[in-house]
């Protein structure tokens, strides 16, 4: 159980949680920690909106991909519907992160 009384399964980590972790580990004030988290997330969002790849070593990469127009189908009615072109963001976890999630010890590599 976490300090909120909820189990760790299904818990959502929020911006406030990240800011609190920075506050606890780095020693910045709470407001400075919150500003730092906001600045990092904002820079990541700006880079992704420009179509750049955001790569965090030992964590993974966020990539924006373009999807072309295609024909989809309404699963309820079966009617074909055009799906317009769009950009989507995908996350590709590093092997280190995959190993941690699966409880394995993985050597740190520049991924």
N, C-alpha and C. Protein backbone atom coordinates (compact mmCIF):
# COMPACT_ATOMS: atom_id res chain seq x y z
N UNK A 1 0.83 -1.18 0.00
CA UNK A 1 0.00 0.00 0.00
C UNK A 1 0.88 1.25 0.00
N UNK A 2 0.40 2.28 -0.66
CA UNK A 2 1.09 3.55 -0.68
C UNK A 2 0.61 4.39 0.49
N UNK A 3 1.24 5.56 0.68
CA UNK A 3 0.85 6.40 1.80
C UNK A 3 -0.59 6.90 1.68
N UNK A 4 -1.16 6.87 0.46
CA UNK A 4 -2.55 7.28 0.28
C UNK A 4 -3.51 6.16 0.64
N UNK A 5 -2.97 4.96 0.93
CA UNK A 5 -3.81 3.84 1.31
C UNK A 5 -4.22 2.98 0.13
N UNK A 6 -3.84 3.40 -1.08
CA UNK A 6 -4.17 2.61 -2.26
C UNK A 6 -3.02 1.68 -2.57
N UNK A 7 -3.34 0.56 -3.20
CA UNK A 7 -2.27 -0.34 -3.60
C UNK A 7 -1.55 0.26 -4.79
N UNK A 8 -0.33 -0.17 -5.03
CA UNK A 8 0.47 0.38 -6.13
C UNK A 8 -0.05 -0.07 -7.49
N UNK A 9 -0.84 -1.13 -7.53
CA UNK A 9 -1.38 -1.62 -8.79
C UNK A 9 -2.45 -0.64 -9.28
N UNK A 10 -2.30 -0.18 -10.51
CA UNK A 10 -3.30 0.71 -11.07
C UNK A 10 -3.16 2.16 -10.64
N UNK A 11 -2.16 2.49 -9.87
CA UNK A 11 -1.97 3.85 -9.40
C UNK A 11 -1.46 4.71 -10.55
N UNK A 12 -1.88 5.96 -10.58
CA UNK A 12 -1.44 6.91 -11.60
C UNK A 12 -0.44 7.87 -10.98
N UNK A 13 0.69 8.05 -11.62
CA UNK A 13 1.68 9.02 -11.17
C UNK A 13 1.34 10.35 -11.83
N UNK A 14 1.15 11.39 -11.03
CA UNK A 14 0.75 12.70 -11.52
C UNK A 14 1.93 13.66 -11.55
N UNK A 15 1.70 14.84 -12.10
CA UNK A 15 2.72 15.89 -12.09
C UNK A 15 3.09 16.24 -10.66
N UNK A 16 2.09 16.28 -9.80
CA UNK A 16 2.34 16.58 -8.39
C UNK A 16 3.24 15.52 -7.76
N UNK A 17 3.04 14.26 -8.11
CA UNK A 17 3.89 13.18 -7.60
C UNK A 17 5.33 13.36 -8.08
N UNK A 18 5.49 13.72 -9.35
CA UNK A 18 6.83 13.94 -9.89
C UNK A 18 7.50 15.12 -9.20
N UNK A 19 6.75 16.20 -9.00
CA UNK A 19 7.30 17.38 -8.32
C UNK A 19 7.69 17.04 -6.89
N UNK A 20 6.89 16.24 -6.22
CA UNK A 20 7.19 15.83 -4.84
C UNK A 20 8.47 14.98 -4.81
N UNK A 21 8.64 14.09 -5.80
CA UNK A 21 9.85 13.27 -5.87
C UNK A 21 11.08 14.13 -6.08
N UNK A 22 10.97 15.15 -6.95
CA UNK A 22 12.09 16.06 -7.16
C UNK A 22 12.39 16.81 -5.86
N UNK A 23 11.35 17.28 -5.20
CA UNK A 23 11.51 18.00 -3.93
C UNK A 23 12.26 17.13 -2.90
N UNK A 24 11.84 15.88 -2.78
CA UNK A 24 12.42 14.97 -1.79
C UNK A 24 13.87 14.58 -2.11
N UNK A 25 14.15 14.37 -3.39
CA UNK A 25 15.47 13.85 -3.77
C UNK A 25 16.50 14.91 -4.12
N UNK A 26 16.06 16.03 -4.67
CA UNK A 26 17.00 17.03 -5.14
C UNK A 26 17.20 18.15 -4.12
N UNK A 27 16.16 18.43 -3.37
CA UNK A 27 16.30 19.46 -2.35
C UNK A 27 15.87 20.85 -2.79
N UNK A 28 15.26 20.96 -3.97
CA UNK A 28 14.70 22.25 -4.37
C UNK A 28 13.43 22.50 -3.55
N UNK A 29 12.95 23.73 -3.53
CA UNK A 29 11.70 24.01 -2.84
C UNK A 29 10.57 23.32 -3.60
N UNK A 30 9.41 23.22 -2.96
CA UNK A 30 8.28 22.57 -3.63
C UNK A 30 7.88 23.32 -4.89
N UNK A 31 7.87 24.65 -4.83
CA UNK A 31 7.47 25.42 -6.01
C UNK A 31 8.53 25.31 -7.11
N UNK A 32 9.80 25.32 -6.75
CA UNK A 32 10.86 25.14 -7.74
C UNK A 32 10.80 23.76 -8.37
N UNK A 33 10.49 22.75 -7.57
CA UNK A 33 10.37 21.37 -8.07
C UNK A 33 9.21 21.28 -9.06
N UNK A 34 8.09 21.90 -8.73
CA UNK A 34 6.93 21.89 -9.63
C UNK A 34 7.26 22.61 -10.92
N UNK A 35 7.97 23.75 -10.83
CA UNK A 35 8.37 24.49 -12.03
C UNK A 35 9.31 23.67 -12.90
N UNK A 36 10.24 22.97 -12.28
CA UNK A 36 11.18 22.14 -13.03
C UNK A 36 10.45 21.04 -13.79
N UNK A 37 9.53 20.36 -13.12
CA UNK A 37 8.76 19.30 -13.78
C UNK A 37 7.97 19.88 -14.95
N UNK A 38 7.33 21.03 -14.75
CA UNK A 38 6.56 21.67 -15.82
C UNK A 38 7.46 22.05 -16.99
N UNK A 39 8.66 22.57 -16.70
CA UNK A 39 9.59 22.97 -17.76
C UNK A 39 10.03 21.75 -18.58
N UNK A 40 10.33 20.66 -17.92
CA UNK A 40 10.78 19.45 -18.62
C UNK A 40 9.64 18.91 -19.50
N UNK A 41 8.44 18.81 -18.94
CA UNK A 41 7.31 18.28 -19.71
C UNK A 41 6.96 19.21 -20.87
N UNK A 42 7.05 20.51 -20.65
CA UNK A 42 6.76 21.48 -21.70
C UNK A 42 7.78 21.38 -22.84
N UNK A 43 9.04 21.23 -22.49
CA UNK A 43 10.08 21.09 -23.51
C UNK A 43 9.88 19.81 -24.32
N UNK A 44 9.50 18.73 -23.64
CA UNK A 44 9.24 17.47 -24.35
C UNK A 44 8.05 17.64 -25.30
N UNK A 45 6.98 18.27 -24.83
CA UNK A 45 5.79 18.47 -25.65
C UNK A 45 6.10 19.37 -26.85
N UNK A 46 6.89 20.42 -26.64
CA UNK A 46 7.27 21.31 -27.74
C UNK A 46 8.08 20.56 -28.79
N UNK A 47 9.04 19.77 -28.35
CA UNK A 47 9.87 19.01 -29.28
C UNK A 47 9.02 18.02 -30.08
N UNK A 48 8.10 17.34 -29.42
CA UNK A 48 7.23 16.37 -30.11
C UNK A 48 6.31 17.08 -31.10
N UNK A 49 5.80 18.25 -30.73
CA UNK A 49 4.91 18.97 -31.64
C UNK A 49 5.66 19.44 -32.89
N UNK A 50 6.98 19.64 -32.77
CA UNK A 50 7.81 19.99 -33.92
C UNK A 50 8.19 18.74 -34.73
N UNK A 51 7.80 17.56 -34.28
CA UNK A 51 8.10 16.32 -34.99
C UNK A 51 9.43 15.71 -34.62
N UNK A 52 10.07 16.21 -33.56
CA UNK A 52 11.35 15.68 -33.12
C UNK A 52 11.15 14.45 -32.26
N UNK A 53 12.18 13.60 -32.21
CA UNK A 53 12.17 12.43 -31.35
C UNK A 53 12.70 12.86 -29.98
N UNK A 54 12.02 12.44 -28.92
CA UNK A 54 12.50 12.69 -27.56
C UNK A 54 13.02 11.37 -27.03
N UNK A 55 14.34 11.29 -26.83
CA UNK A 55 14.98 10.05 -26.39
C UNK A 55 15.55 10.26 -24.99
N UNK A 56 15.10 9.45 -24.06
CA UNK A 56 15.60 9.49 -22.68
C UNK A 56 16.37 8.21 -22.45
N UNK A 57 17.68 8.34 -22.36
CA UNK A 57 18.56 7.20 -22.21
C UNK A 57 18.12 6.33 -21.03
N UNK A 58 18.12 5.04 -21.19
CA UNK A 58 17.73 4.04 -20.20
C UNK A 58 16.24 4.07 -19.87
N UNK A 59 15.47 4.88 -20.61
CA UNK A 59 14.02 4.95 -20.38
C UNK A 59 13.27 4.58 -21.65
N UNK A 60 13.48 5.36 -22.71
CA UNK A 60 12.81 5.06 -23.97
C UNK A 60 12.74 6.28 -24.85
N UNK A 61 12.02 6.14 -25.96
CA UNK A 61 11.89 7.21 -26.93
C UNK A 61 10.43 7.49 -27.24
N UNK A 62 10.10 8.78 -27.34
CA UNK A 62 8.80 9.22 -27.79
C UNK A 62 8.98 9.67 -29.23
N UNK A 63 8.15 9.14 -30.13
CA UNK A 63 8.30 9.42 -31.56
C UNK A 63 6.93 9.82 -32.11
N UNK A 64 6.92 10.83 -32.99
CA UNK A 64 5.70 11.22 -33.68
C UNK A 64 5.73 10.58 -35.06
N UNK A 65 4.66 9.89 -35.40
CA UNK A 65 4.56 9.25 -36.71
C UNK A 65 3.36 9.82 -37.45
N UNK A 66 3.48 9.89 -38.76
CA UNK A 66 2.37 10.35 -39.60
C UNK A 66 1.62 9.14 -40.12
N UNK A 67 0.31 9.20 -40.01
CA UNK A 67 -0.54 8.13 -40.55
C UNK A 67 -1.32 8.72 -41.72
N UNK A 68 -1.34 8.00 -42.80
CA UNK A 68 -2.05 8.45 -43.99
C UNK A 68 -3.54 8.23 -43.87
N UNK A 69 -4.25 8.77 -44.84
CA UNK A 69 -5.70 8.58 -44.89
C UNK A 69 -5.99 7.11 -45.18
N UNK A 70 -7.05 6.61 -44.58
CA UNK A 70 -7.43 5.22 -44.83
C UNK A 70 -8.93 5.08 -44.62
N UNK A 71 -9.43 3.94 -44.98
CA UNK A 71 -10.86 3.66 -44.80
C UNK A 71 -11.01 2.79 -43.58
N UNK A 72 -11.85 3.24 -42.66
CA UNK A 72 -12.15 2.47 -41.47
C UNK A 72 -13.57 1.95 -41.55
N UNK A 73 -13.94 1.19 -40.55
CA UNK A 73 -15.29 0.62 -40.56
C UNK A 73 -15.91 0.78 -39.17
N UNK A 74 -17.12 1.27 -39.14
CA UNK A 74 -17.85 1.37 -37.88
C UNK A 74 -18.15 -0.06 -37.43
N UNK A 75 -17.62 -0.48 -36.26
CA UNK A 75 -17.80 -1.87 -35.86
C UNK A 75 -19.26 -2.24 -35.57
N UNK A 76 -20.07 -1.25 -35.22
CA UNK A 76 -21.47 -1.53 -34.88
C UNK A 76 -22.33 -1.69 -36.13
N UNK A 77 -22.12 -0.78 -37.11
CA UNK A 77 -22.98 -0.79 -38.29
C UNK A 77 -22.32 -1.41 -39.51
N UNK A 78 -20.98 -1.47 -39.52
CA UNK A 78 -20.27 -2.00 -40.67
C UNK A 78 -20.08 -0.98 -41.79
N UNK A 79 -20.53 0.25 -41.57
CA UNK A 79 -20.42 1.30 -42.58
C UNK A 79 -18.97 1.76 -42.68
N UNK A 80 -18.48 1.88 -43.93
CA UNK A 80 -17.12 2.36 -44.14
C UNK A 80 -17.07 3.87 -43.93
N UNK A 81 -16.01 4.31 -43.25
CA UNK A 81 -15.84 5.73 -42.94
C UNK A 81 -14.41 6.12 -43.26
N UNK A 82 -14.20 7.27 -43.94
CA UNK A 82 -12.82 7.68 -44.18
C UNK A 82 -12.18 8.21 -42.90
N UNK A 83 -10.95 7.81 -42.66
CA UNK A 83 -10.19 8.29 -41.50
C UNK A 83 -9.14 9.23 -42.05
N UNK A 84 -9.16 10.48 -41.59
CA UNK A 84 -8.27 11.50 -42.13
C UNK A 84 -6.83 11.27 -41.70
N UNK A 85 -5.87 11.81 -42.47
CA UNK A 85 -4.46 11.70 -42.08
C UNK A 85 -4.24 12.42 -40.75
N UNK A 86 -3.33 11.90 -39.96
CA UNK A 86 -3.05 12.51 -38.66
C UNK A 86 -1.67 12.10 -38.19
N UNK A 87 -1.22 12.77 -37.14
CA UNK A 87 0.05 12.42 -36.50
C UNK A 87 -0.27 11.76 -35.17
N UNK A 88 0.45 10.71 -34.86
CA UNK A 88 0.26 10.00 -33.59
C UNK A 88 1.60 9.90 -32.88
N UNK A 89 1.54 9.85 -31.57
CA UNK A 89 2.75 9.70 -30.79
C UNK A 89 2.83 8.27 -30.28
N UNK A 90 4.02 7.70 -30.38
CA UNK A 90 4.24 6.35 -29.86
C UNK A 90 5.42 6.39 -28.90
N UNK A 91 5.41 5.48 -27.96
CA UNK A 91 6.50 5.36 -27.01
C UNK A 91 7.15 4.01 -27.19
N UNK A 92 8.47 4.02 -27.34
CA UNK A 92 9.22 2.77 -27.47
C UNK A 92 10.12 2.66 -26.25
N UNK A 93 9.79 1.78 -25.32
CA UNK A 93 10.61 1.65 -24.11
C UNK A 93 11.97 1.05 -24.42
N UNK A 94 12.96 1.46 -23.63
CA UNK A 94 14.30 0.89 -23.78
C UNK A 94 14.30 -0.53 -23.22
N UNK A 95 15.33 -1.29 -23.56
CA UNK A 95 15.46 -2.65 -23.02
C UNK A 95 15.63 -2.61 -21.51
N UNK A 96 16.27 -1.56 -21.01
CA UNK A 96 16.46 -1.42 -19.56
C UNK A 96 15.11 -1.26 -18.87
N UNK A 97 14.26 -0.40 -19.40
CA UNK A 97 12.94 -0.19 -18.81
C UNK A 97 12.09 -1.46 -18.92
N UNK A 98 12.14 -2.11 -20.07
CA UNK A 98 11.39 -3.37 -20.22
C UNK A 98 11.83 -4.39 -19.17
N UNK A 99 13.14 -4.47 -18.96
CA UNK A 99 13.65 -5.40 -17.95
C UNK A 99 13.18 -5.05 -16.55
N UNK A 100 13.22 -3.77 -16.21
CA UNK A 100 12.76 -3.33 -14.87
C UNK A 100 11.29 -3.66 -14.66
N UNK A 101 10.48 -3.41 -15.70
CA UNK A 101 9.05 -3.69 -15.60
C UNK A 101 8.81 -5.18 -15.38
N UNK A 102 9.67 -6.01 -15.97
CA UNK A 102 9.53 -7.46 -15.84
C UNK A 102 10.34 -8.04 -14.69
N UNK A 103 10.89 -7.17 -13.83
CA UNK A 103 11.62 -7.63 -12.66
C UNK A 103 12.98 -8.19 -12.93
N UNK A 104 13.57 -7.85 -14.06
CA UNK A 104 14.89 -8.35 -14.41
C UNK A 104 15.92 -7.25 -14.18
N UNK A 105 17.14 -7.67 -13.91
CA UNK A 105 18.24 -6.73 -13.79
C UNK A 105 18.90 -6.66 -15.16
N UNK A 106 18.92 -5.46 -15.74
CA UNK A 106 19.50 -5.26 -17.06
C UNK A 106 20.64 -4.28 -16.94
N UNK A 107 21.78 -4.60 -17.58
CA UNK A 107 22.91 -3.69 -17.55
C UNK A 107 22.54 -2.39 -18.22
N UNK A 108 23.01 -1.27 -17.66
CA UNK A 108 22.77 0.04 -18.22
C UNK A 108 23.52 0.17 -19.53
N UNK A 109 22.76 0.45 -20.60
CA UNK A 109 23.35 0.62 -21.92
C UNK A 109 22.81 1.92 -22.48
N UNK A 110 23.54 2.53 -23.38
CA UNK A 110 23.08 3.78 -23.96
C UNK A 110 22.06 3.46 -25.03
N UNK A 111 20.80 3.40 -24.64
CA UNK A 111 19.71 2.98 -25.53
C UNK A 111 18.95 4.18 -26.02
